[in-house]
C-alpha atoms as a PDB file:
ATOM      1  CA  MET A   1      -8.160   4.006   3.868  1.00  0.00           C
ATOM      2  CA  ALA A   2      -8.552   1.110   1.599  1.00  0.00           C
ATOM      3  CA  GLY A   3      -7.843   0.553  -2.182  1.00  0.00           C
ATOM      4  CA  TYR A   4      -7.235  -1.741  -4.598  1.00  0.00           C
ATOM      5  CA  TYR A   5      -4.857  -2.354  -7.438  1.00  0.00           C
ATOM      6  CA  TYR A   6      -3.692  -4.911  -9.749  1.00  0.00           C
ATOM      7  CA  GLN A   7      -0.544  -6.536 -10.155  1.00  0.00           C
ATOM      8  CA  GLN A   8       0.590  -8.347 -13.231  1.00  0.00           C
ATOM      9  CA  ILE A   9       3.760 -10.718 -13.145  1.00  0.00           C
ATOM     10  CA  GLY A  10       4.636 -13.408 -15.987  1.00  0.00           C
ATOM     11  CA  GLY A  11       1.167 -13.124 -17.784  1.00  0.00           C
ATOM     12  CA  LYS A  12      -0.633 -13.830 -14.355  1.00  0.00           C
ATOM     13  CA  SER A  13      -2.904 -11.005 -12.861  1.00  0.00           C
ATOM     14  CA  ASP A  14      -3.264 -10.795  -9.070  1.00  0.00           C
ATOM     15  CA  ARG A  15      -5.951  -8.505  -7.233  1.00  0.00           C
ATOM     16  CA  THR A  16      -4.116  -6.851  -4.217  1.00  0.00           C
ATOM     17  CA  HIS A  17      -5.938  -5.375  -1.569  1.00  0.00           C
ATOM     18  CA  VAL A  18      -4.307  -2.526   0.263  1.00  0.00           C
ATOM     19  CA  GLU A  19      -5.215  -1.279   3.889  1.00  0.00           C
ATOM     20  CA  ARG A  20      -3.453   1.809   5.770  1.00  0.00           C
ATOM     21  CA  TYR A  21      -3.536   2.249   9.533  1.00  0.00           C
ATOM     22  CA  PHE A  22      -2.363   5.449  11.373  1.00  0.00           C
ATOM     23  CA  PHE A  23       1.020   4.646  12.983  1.00  0.00           C
ATOM     24  CA  THR A  24       2.853   6.601  16.050  1.00  0.00           C
ATOM     25  CA  CYS A  25       5.384   6.035  18.686  1.00  0.00           C
ATOM     26  CA  GLU A  26       7.099   8.311  21.077  1.00  0.00           C
ATOM     27  CA  LEU A  27      10.624   8.021  21.970  1.00  0.00           C
ATOM     28  CA  THR A  28      11.977   9.486  25.507  1.00  0.00           C
ATOM     29  CA  SER A  29      14.849   9.211  27.863  1.00  0.00           C
ATOM     30  CA  LYS A  30      12.873   6.471  29.682  1.00  0.00           C
ATOM     31  CA  VAL A  31      11.881   4.576  26.388  1.00  0.00           C
ATOM     32  CA  PRO A  32      14.556   5.485  23.941  1.00  0.00           C
ATOM     33  CA  SER A  33      13.950   2.770  21.150  1.00  0.00           C
ATOM     34  CA  TYR A  34      10.786   1.243  19.595  1.00  0.00           C
ATOM     35  CA  THR A  35      10.851  -1.755  17.259  1.00  0.00           C
ATOM     36  CA  PHE A  36       8.073  -1.895  14.602  1.00  0.00           C
ATOM     37  CA  HIS A  37       7.729  -5.490  13.573  1.00  0.00           C
ATOM     38  CA  PRO A  38       4.087  -7.054  13.352  1.00  0.00           C
ATOM     39  CA  GLU A  39       3.425 -10.598  13.877  1.00  0.00           C
ATOM     40  CA  VAL A  40       3.104 -12.310  10.675  1.00  0.00           C
ATOM     41  CA  ASP A  41       0.024 -14.958  10.690  1.00  0.00           C
ATOM     42  CA  GLU A  42       1.601 -18.101   8.158  1.00  0.00           C
ATOM     43  CA  ASN A  43      -2.198 -18.487   7.346  1.00  0.00           C
ATOM     44  CA  ALA A  44      -2.850 -15.081   6.750  1.00  0.00           C
ATOM     45  CA  ASP A  45      -3.383 -13.643   3.284  1.00  0.00           C
ATOM     46  CA  PHE A  46      -0.921 -10.494   3.989  1.00  0.00           C
ATOM     47  CA  GLU A  47       1.577 -10.192   1.274  1.00  0.00           C
ATOM     48  CA  ASP A  48       3.350  -7.737   2.968  1.00  0.00           C
ATOM     49  CA  HIS A  49       3.787  -5.064   5.706  1.00  0.00           C
ATOM     50  CA  ILE A  50       5.161  -1.669   5.111  1.00  0.00           C
ATOM     51  CA  LEU A  51       5.731   1.249   7.206  1.00  0.00           C
ATOM     52  CA  GLU A  52       5.444   4.737   5.764  1.00  0.00           C
ATOM     53  CA  VAL A  53       7.068   7.474   7.847  1.00  0.00           C
ATOM     54  CA  ARG A  54       5.656  10.854   7.317  1.00  0.00           C
ATOM     55  CA  MET A  55       6.447  13.150  10.147  1.00  0.00           C
ATOM     56  CA  VAL A  56       8.775  13.263  13.198  1.00  0.00           C
ATOM     57  CA  CYS A  57       8.479  16.156  15.813  1.00  0.00           C
ATOM     58  CA  LEU A  58       9.450  17.112  19.193  1.00  0.00           C
ATOM     59  CA  GLY A  59       6.819  16.885  22.055  1.00  0.00           C
ATOM     60  CA  SER A  60       5.831  20.348  23.576  1.00  0.00           C
ATOM     61  CA  ASN A  61       7.968  19.415  26.846  1.00  0.00           C
ATOM     62  CA  ALA A  62      11.054  18.920  24.968  1.00  0.00           C
ATOM     63  CA  LYS A  63      14.304  20.382  26.487  1.00  0.00           C
ATOM     64  CA  ASN A  64      16.576  22.830  24.583  1.00  0.00           C
ATOM     65  CA  GLU A  65      18.826  20.271  23.250  1.00  0.00           C
ATOM     66  CA  ASN A  66      19.697  18.294  20.120  1.00  0.00           C
ATOM     67  CA  ASN A  67      17.543  15.367  19.509  1.00  0.00           C
ATOM     68  CA  VAL A  68      18.747  12.906  17.383  1.00  0.00           C
ATOM     69  CA  VAL A  69      16.865   9.982  15.882  1.00  0.00           C
ATOM     70  CA  GLU A  70      18.298   6.709  14.228  1.00  0.00           C
ATOM     71  CA  LEU A  71      16.514   4.411  12.251  1.00  0.00           C
ATOM     72  CA  THR A  72      17.502   0.781  11.800  1.00  0.00           C
ATOM     73  CA  SER A  73      16.242  -1.304   8.831  1.00  0.00           C
ATOM     74  CA  LEU A  74      17.238  -3.822   6.211  1.00  0.00           C
ATOM     75  CA  ASN A  75      18.917  -2.560   3.055  1.00  0.00           C
ATOM     76  CA  TYR A  76      18.213  -4.011  -0.529  1.00  0.00           C
ATOM     77  CA  GLU A  77      20.892  -6.794   0.456  1.00  0.00           C
ATOM     78  CA  GLY A  78      18.719  -7.750   3.749  1.00  0.00           C
ATOM     79  CA  LYS A  79      21.409  -6.434   5.763  1.00  0.00           C
ATOM     80  CA  GLU A  80      20.758  -4.474   8.809  1.00  0.00           C
ATOM     81  CA  GLN A  81      21.814  -0.830   8.363  1.00  0.00           C
ATOM     82  CA  SER A  82      21.391   2.208  10.814  1.00  0.00           C
ATOM     83  CA  ILE A  83      21.305   5.814   9.677  1.00  0.00           C
ATOM     84  CA  PRO A  84      20.316   8.993  11.762  1.00  0.00           C
ATOM     85  CA  ILE A  85      17.133  10.572   9.877  1.00  0.00           C
ATOM     86  CA  VAL A  86      16.363  13.551  12.070  1.00  0.00           C
ATOM     87  CA  ASN A  87      18.345  16.046  14.033  1.00  0.00           C
ATOM     88  CA  LEU A  88      15.995  18.168  16.105  1.00  0.00           C
ATOM     89  CA  HIS A  89      15.978  21.288  18.376  1.00  0.00           C
ATOM     90  CA  SER A  90      13.127  23.076  20.341  1.00  0.00           C
ATOM     91  CA  SER A  91      14.859  26.512  19.264  1.00  0.00           C
ATOM     92  CA  CYS A  92      15.159  26.043  15.282  1.00  0.00           C
ATOM     93  CA  LEU A  93      13.806  22.637  14.113  1.00  0.00           C
ATOM     94  CA  ASN A  94      11.350  21.004  16.022  1.00  0.00           C
ATOM     95  CA  MET A  95       9.579  19.115  13.121  1.00  0.00           C
ATOM     96  CA  VAL A  96      10.321  17.378   9.670  1.00  0.00           C
ATOM     97  CA  SER A  97       7.964  15.998   7.114  1.00  0.00           C
ATOM     98  CA  LEU A  98       9.644  12.889   5.261  1.00  0.00           C
ATOM     99  CA  GLY A  99       6.907  13.027   2.851  1.00  0.00           C
ATOM    100  CA  ASP A 100       6.642   9.328   1.658  1.00  0.00           C
ATOM    101  CA  PHE A 101       9.469   7.401   3.206  1.00  0.00           C
ATOM    102  CA  HIS A 102       8.786   3.571   2.980  1.00  0.00           C
ATOM    103  CA  LEU A 103      10.212   0.881   4.794  1.00  0.00           C
ATOM    104  CA  LYS A 104      10.046  -2.782   4.962  1.00  0.00           C
ATOM    105  CA  THR A 105       9.470  -4.308   8.223  1.00  0.00           C
ATOM    106  CA  PRO A 106      11.335  -4.731  11.018  1.00  0.00           C
ATOM    107  CA  VAL A 107      11.879  -1.126  11.425  1.00  0.00           C
ATOM    108  CA  THR A 108      13.608   0.185  14.956  1.00  0.00           C
ATOM    109  CA  PHE A 109      13.580   3.940  15.921  1.00  0.00           C
ATOM    110  CA  ARG A 110      16.120   4.871  18.535  1.00  0.00           C
ATOM    111  CA  LEU A 111      16.643   8.158  20.316  1.00  0.00           C
ATOM    112  CA  LYS A 112      20.418   8.389  19.713  1.00  0.00           C
ATOM    113  CA  SER A 113      20.930  11.747  21.692  1.00  0.00           C
ATOM    114  CA  GLY A 114      18.680  13.916  23.402  1.00  0.00           C
ATOM    115  CA  SER A 115      15.651  13.121  25.900  1.00  0.00           C
ATOM    116  CA  GLY A 116      12.830  14.028  23.679  1.00  0.00           C
ATOM    117  CA  PRO A 117      10.072  13.491  23.719  1.00  0.00           C
ATOM    118  CA  VAL A 118      10.123  12.631  19.971  1.00  0.00           C
ATOM    119  CA  ASN A 119       6.927  11.702  17.860  1.00  0.00           C
ATOM    120  CA  ILE A 120       6.905   9.535  14.832  1.00  0.00           C
ATOM    121  CA  SER A 121       4.031   9.086  12.892  1.00  0.00           C
ATOM    122  CA  GLY A 122       2.825   7.783   9.412  1.00  0.00           C
ATOM    123  CA  LEU A 123       1.048   4.910   7.741  1.00  0.00           C
ATOM    124  CA  HIS A 124       0.917   1.070   8.586  1.00  0.00           C
ATOM    125  CA  ILE A 125       0.136  -0.356   5.082  1.00  0.00           C
ATOM    126  CA  LEU A 126      -0.982  -3.772   4.705  1.00  0.00           C
ATOM    127  CA  ILE A 127      -0.673  -5.421   1.320  1.00  0.00           C
ATOM    128  CA  ILE A 128      -3.190  -8.277   1.135  1.00  0.00           C
ATOM    129  CA  LYS A 129      -3.493 -10.824  -1.994  1.00  0.00           C
ATOM    130  CA  GLU A 130      -7.025 -11.800  -2.558  1.00  0.00           C
ATOM    131  CA  ASP A 131      -8.555 -14.598  -4.546  1.00  0.00           C
ATOM    132  CA  GLU A 132     -11.550 -13.414  -6.947  1.00  0.00           C
ATOM    133  CA  VAL A 133     -13.752 -16.174  -5.378  1.00  0.00           C
ATOM    134  CA  TYR A 134     -13.171 -14.598  -2.018  1.00  0.00           C
ATOM    135  CA  THR A 135     -14.308 -11.002  -3.236  1.00  0.00           C
ATOM    136  CA  LEU A 136     -17.138 -12.069  -4.978  1.00  0.00           C
ATOM    137  CA  GLU A 137     -18.338 -13.880  -1.929  1.00  0.00           C
ATOM    138  CA  LYS A 138     -17.495 -11.076   0.545  1.00  0.00           C
ATOM    139  CA  ASN A 139     -19.646  -8.597  -1.815  1.00  0.00           C
ATOM    140  CA  GLU A 140     -22.456 -10.774  -2.622  1.00  0.00           C
ATOM    141  CA  GLY A 141     -24.513  -9.667   0.076  1.00  0.00           C
ATOM    142  CA  LYS A 142     -24.039  -6.093  -0.566  1.00  0.00           C
ATOM    143  CA  LYS A 143     -26.776  -4.362  -2.792  1.00  0.00           C
ATOM    144  CA  GLU A 144     -25.512  -1.229  -5.005  1.00  0.00           C
ATOM    145  CA  GLN A 145     -27.518   2.105  -4.206  1.00  0.00           C
ATOM    146  CA  ILE A 146     -28.673   3.785  -7.496  1.00  0.00           C
ATOM    147  CA  VAL A 147     -29.056   7.885  -6.918  1.00  0.00           C
ATOM    148  CA  PRO A 148     -32.156   8.525  -9.212  1.00  0.00           C
ATOM    149  CA  PHE A 149     -31.417  11.241 -11.964  1.00  0.00           C
ATOM    150  CA  LYS A 150     -33.165  14.797 -11.000  1.00  0.00           C
ATOM    151  CA  PRO A 151     -33.822  17.009 -13.976  1.00  0.00           C
ATOM    152  CA  ALA A 152     -32.280  20.301 -13.986  1.00  0.00           C
ATOM    153  CA  LYS A 153     -34.277  23.377 -13.263  1.00  0.00           C
ATOM    154  CA  ASN A 154     -33.919  26.931 -14.388  1.00  0.00           C
ATOM    155  CA  LYS A 155     -33.896  30.052 -12.230  1.00  0.00           C
ATOM    156  CA  THR A 156     -37.743  30.172 -12.088  1.00  0.00           C
ATOM    157  CA  GLY A 157     -37.806  26.655 -10.819  1.00  0.00           C
ATOM    158  CA  GLN A 158     -39.321  25.094 -13.863  1.00  0.00           C
ATOM    159  CA  ILE A 159     -37.941  21.832 -15.230  1.00  0.00           C
ATOM    160  CA  VAL A 160     -35.782  22.231 -18.052  1.00  0.00           C
ATOM    161  CA  PRO A 161     -37.130  20.232 -21.098  1.00  0.00           C
ATOM    162  CA  LYS A 162     -34.792  17.628 -22.441  1.00  0.00           C
ATOM    163  CA  VAL A 163     -33.635  18.129 -25.689  1.00  0.00           C
ATOM    164  CA  THR A 164     -33.572  15.412 -28.244  1.00  0.00           C
ATOM    165  CA  GLN A 165     -31.695  15.264 -31.466  1.00  0.00           C
END
């Protein structure tokens, strides 16, 4: 999934390209934590990495116990903060939809209690700043396909004449 949006800051307009990739991880008693921290290339055009967590659910072979998942991320002041985000149990609440829960990287998920498996899924969002020149060069070789207009037909299959006013 990809899309474009324009961002205007201080009178200067920047074209920004957004790419979205599927994200998933599994927490178990053997692997109780997972850190999402993509490597950032200093020369890359990536402006930001965002993790959008959408669903947390128990695996089919989860034991009958509470499974608490804790999230560690940076708060608005840049300080690390840990909070429990879900408490899942196979007999009453085996999945939670978090909607559009956006987090700046790095993000660590930890199975605080229980043995899992707990599956976490969502989107890895890349925000890429693009130069107008780069975008034009990239799209130069592509030709737009124009779909020909077909006149409407009535129930008998005859072409309906175009009405001019």
